Each structure stands twice: as C-alpha cells, then as structure tokens.
Amino acid sequence: QVQLVESGGGSVQPGGSLRLSCAASGNIRSDNVMGWYRQIPGEQREVVASITSRGSTNYADSVKGRFTISRDNAKNTVYLQMNSLKPEDTAVYYCNVKELYTGATISDYWGQGTQVTVSS
C-alpha cells in the first residue's frame, strides 16, 4: 500500500514563498505521475502541477511562472516550490501519485492535504 506524507504548508504574506514536499512510501510502479492538486471549500479539486517519472511537467495556467514542481525519484518525493504567492492561492493542497501501465492510470493515491494560506 502506498502512503503519501505531505509537509511544508503554512501561512505567508502575498508575494511570499512556500515549498511543499510529499514523500511516498510503499511499492510504487516506476512508471508514474506525481502531482499537486488544491481545493477551496465548496469548490472542486483542481490540478496545480504534475511531473512524470521522466521529468515532463505540466502546470495550471494560474500558476505558470510562479510555481515549480520537481521530484527526486530515489526518494520517491515530489516538491512544489511556490513563489509570488497570491491570496487566491489559498487552499488545501493535496499530493497525488498515479501509477501507470501502458499509459493508463491503474492506481491513484492521495495525501492528507496541507493548508496554504496567503494573507496580509
């Protein structure tokens, strides 16, 4: 069973930075996509950024140029560096790992979520 443990959330003023980390434990297929999602109460969870096991990245338009996703495959850890934070970035951020087989998602794991609050 795969478990995801997140860290790094907190409160910051607009324009500030935070770095989220998510460590995955258990047996994970080498072909996977690690990502970050966020959710505001009352709204749907949305993807923020994702990175494949080969290092290809995708970002939501709202965070392009401000957030950077990276991963350490040896540690099964994914990071989200968030710079130039805005109040609208306030949300609970969730780590996600999707295991792939021949391009299809066969398993989907979620972290417990970490609160990010951007406020003056």
Protein backbone atom coordinates (compact mmCIF):
# COMPACT_ATOMS: atom_id res chain seq x y z
CA GLN A 1 0.00 0.00 0.00
CA VAL A 2 1.32 3.42 -0.97
CA GLN A 3 1.20 6.20 1.61
CA LEU A 4 1.84 9.88 0.94
CA VAL A 5 3.01 12.27 3.66
CA GLU A 6 2.94 15.98 2.93
CA SER A 7 4.74 18.81 4.67
CA GLY A 8 5.54 22.47 4.16
CA GLY A 9 2.17 24.22 4.25
CA GLY A 10 1.53 27.29 6.34
CA SER A 11 0.69 30.98 6.26
CA VAL A 12 2.53 33.58 4.23
CA GLN A 13 2.01 37.15 3.09
CA PRO A 14 1.25 37.95 -0.55
CA GLY A 15 4.42 37.80 -2.61
CA GLY A 16 5.97 35.26 -0.29
CA SER A 17 7.14 31.73 -0.94
CA LEU A 18 6.48 28.25 0.39
CA ARG A 19 7.83 24.83 -0.52
CA LEU A 20 5.65 21.75 -0.23
CA SER A 21 7.08 18.25 -0.01
CA CYS A 22 5.41 14.88 -0.37
CA ALA A 23 7.18 11.63 0.43
CA ALA A 24 5.72 8.41 -0.91
CA SER A 25 6.30 5.12 0.87
CA GLY A 26 5.48 1.59 -0.23
CA ASN A 27 5.92 -0.15 -3.56
CA ILE A 28 5.34 2.31 -6.37
CA ARG A 29 5.49 1.41 -10.02
CA SER A 30 8.39 3.13 -11.73
CA ASP A 31 6.01 4.48 -14.40
CA ASN A 32 4.02 7.08 -12.51
CA VAL A 33 2.92 10.68 -12.41
CA MET A 34 3.28 12.73 -9.23
CA GLY A 35 1.29 15.89 -8.82
CA TRP A 36 -0.24 18.56 -6.65
CA TYR A 37 -3.89 19.50 -6.53
CA ARG A 38 -5.68 22.13 -4.47
CA GLN A 39 -9.17 22.62 -3.19
CA ILE A 40 -11.09 25.55 -1.79
CA PRO A 41 -14.10 24.72 0.41
CA GLY A 42 -17.19 24.37 -1.73
CA GLU A 43 -15.24 24.04 -4.95
CA GLN A 44 -13.87 21.15 -6.97
CA ARG A 45 -10.33 19.95 -6.50
CA GLU A 46 -8.14 21.26 -9.31
CA VAL A 47 -4.76 20.18 -10.60
CA VAL A 48 -1.92 22.59 -9.91
CA ALA A 49 1.06 20.79 -11.43
CA SER A 50 2.25 17.34 -12.37
CA ILE A 51 5.50 15.63 -13.27
CA THR A 52 6.11 12.27 -14.89
CA SER A 53 8.78 9.80 -13.84
CA ARG A 54 10.79 11.04 -16.84
CA GLY A 55 10.54 14.64 -15.69
CA SER A 56 7.92 16.07 -18.03
CA THR A 57 5.90 18.78 -16.30
CA ASN A 58 2.51 20.43 -16.67
CA TYR A 59 1.10 23.44 -14.86
CA ALA A 60 -2.23 25.09 -14.43
CA ASP A 61 -2.30 28.42 -16.26
CA SER A 62 -2.91 30.23 -12.97
CA VAL A 63 0.47 29.14 -11.53
CA LYS A 64 2.73 29.13 -14.60
CA GLY A 65 5.86 31.16 -13.98
CA ARG A 66 5.31 31.18 -10.21
CA PHE A 67 5.27 27.52 -9.15
CA THR A 68 7.84 24.84 -9.93
CA ILE A 69 7.28 21.12 -9.49
CA SER A 70 10.21 18.73 -9.15
CA ARG A 71 10.84 15.21 -7.95
CA ASP A 72 13.55 13.01 -6.52
CA ASN A 73 12.96 9.52 -7.86
CA ALA A 74 15.50 7.96 -5.49
CA LYS A 75 13.50 9.29 -2.54
CA ASN A 76 10.03 8.94 -4.13
CA THR A 77 9.47 12.57 -3.19
CA VAL A 78 7.78 15.37 -5.07
CA TYR A 79 8.17 19.07 -4.32
CA LEU A 80 6.22 22.19 -5.17
CA GLN A 81 8.10 25.47 -4.92
CA MET A 82 5.56 28.27 -4.76
CA ASN A 83 6.78 31.82 -5.32
CA SER A 84 4.96 35.14 -5.69
CA LEU A 85 2.03 33.72 -3.79
CA LYS A 86 -1.34 35.42 -4.12
CA PRO A 87 -4.40 35.34 -1.84
CA GLU A 88 -6.19 33.28 -4.49
CA ASP A 89 -3.60 30.53 -3.96
CA THR A 90 -5.12 29.91 -0.54
CA ALA A 91 -6.38 26.33 -0.44
CA VAL A 92 -5.73 22.87 0.88
CA TYR A 93 -3.01 21.31 -1.26
CA TYR A 94 -3.04 17.58 -1.90
CA CYS A 95 -0.25 15.37 -3.15
CA ASN A 96 -1.22 12.75 -5.71
CA VAL A 97 0.50 9.76 -7.27
CA LYS A 98 -0.91 7.93 -10.26
CA GLU A 99 0.62 4.61 -11.22
CA LEU A 100 0.56 3.92 -14.92
CA TYR A 101 0.54 0.78 -17.05
CA THR A 102 0.75 1.13 -20.82
CA GLY A 103 -0.28 4.75 -20.40
CA ALA A 104 -3.41 4.13 -18.36
CA THR A 105 -3.86 5.00 -14.71
CA ILE A 106 -4.20 1.85 -12.66
CA SER A 107 -3.83 3.28 -9.16
CA ASP A 108 -4.49 6.68 -7.65
CA TYR A 109 -3.18 7.74 -4.23
CA TRP A 110 -3.77 10.93 -2.23
CA GLY A 111 -2.07 12.63 0.66
CA GLN A 112 -3.94 14.01 3.64
CA GLY A 113 -3.70 17.61 2.47
CA THR A 114 -1.82 20.62 3.79
CA GLN A 115 -3.26 24.10 4.26
CA VAL A 116 -1.69 27.04 2.44
CA THR A 117 -2.94 30.47 3.46
CA VAL A 118 -1.85 33.65 1.71
CA SER A 119 -2.98 36.74 3.55
CA SER A 120 -1.72 40.10 4.69
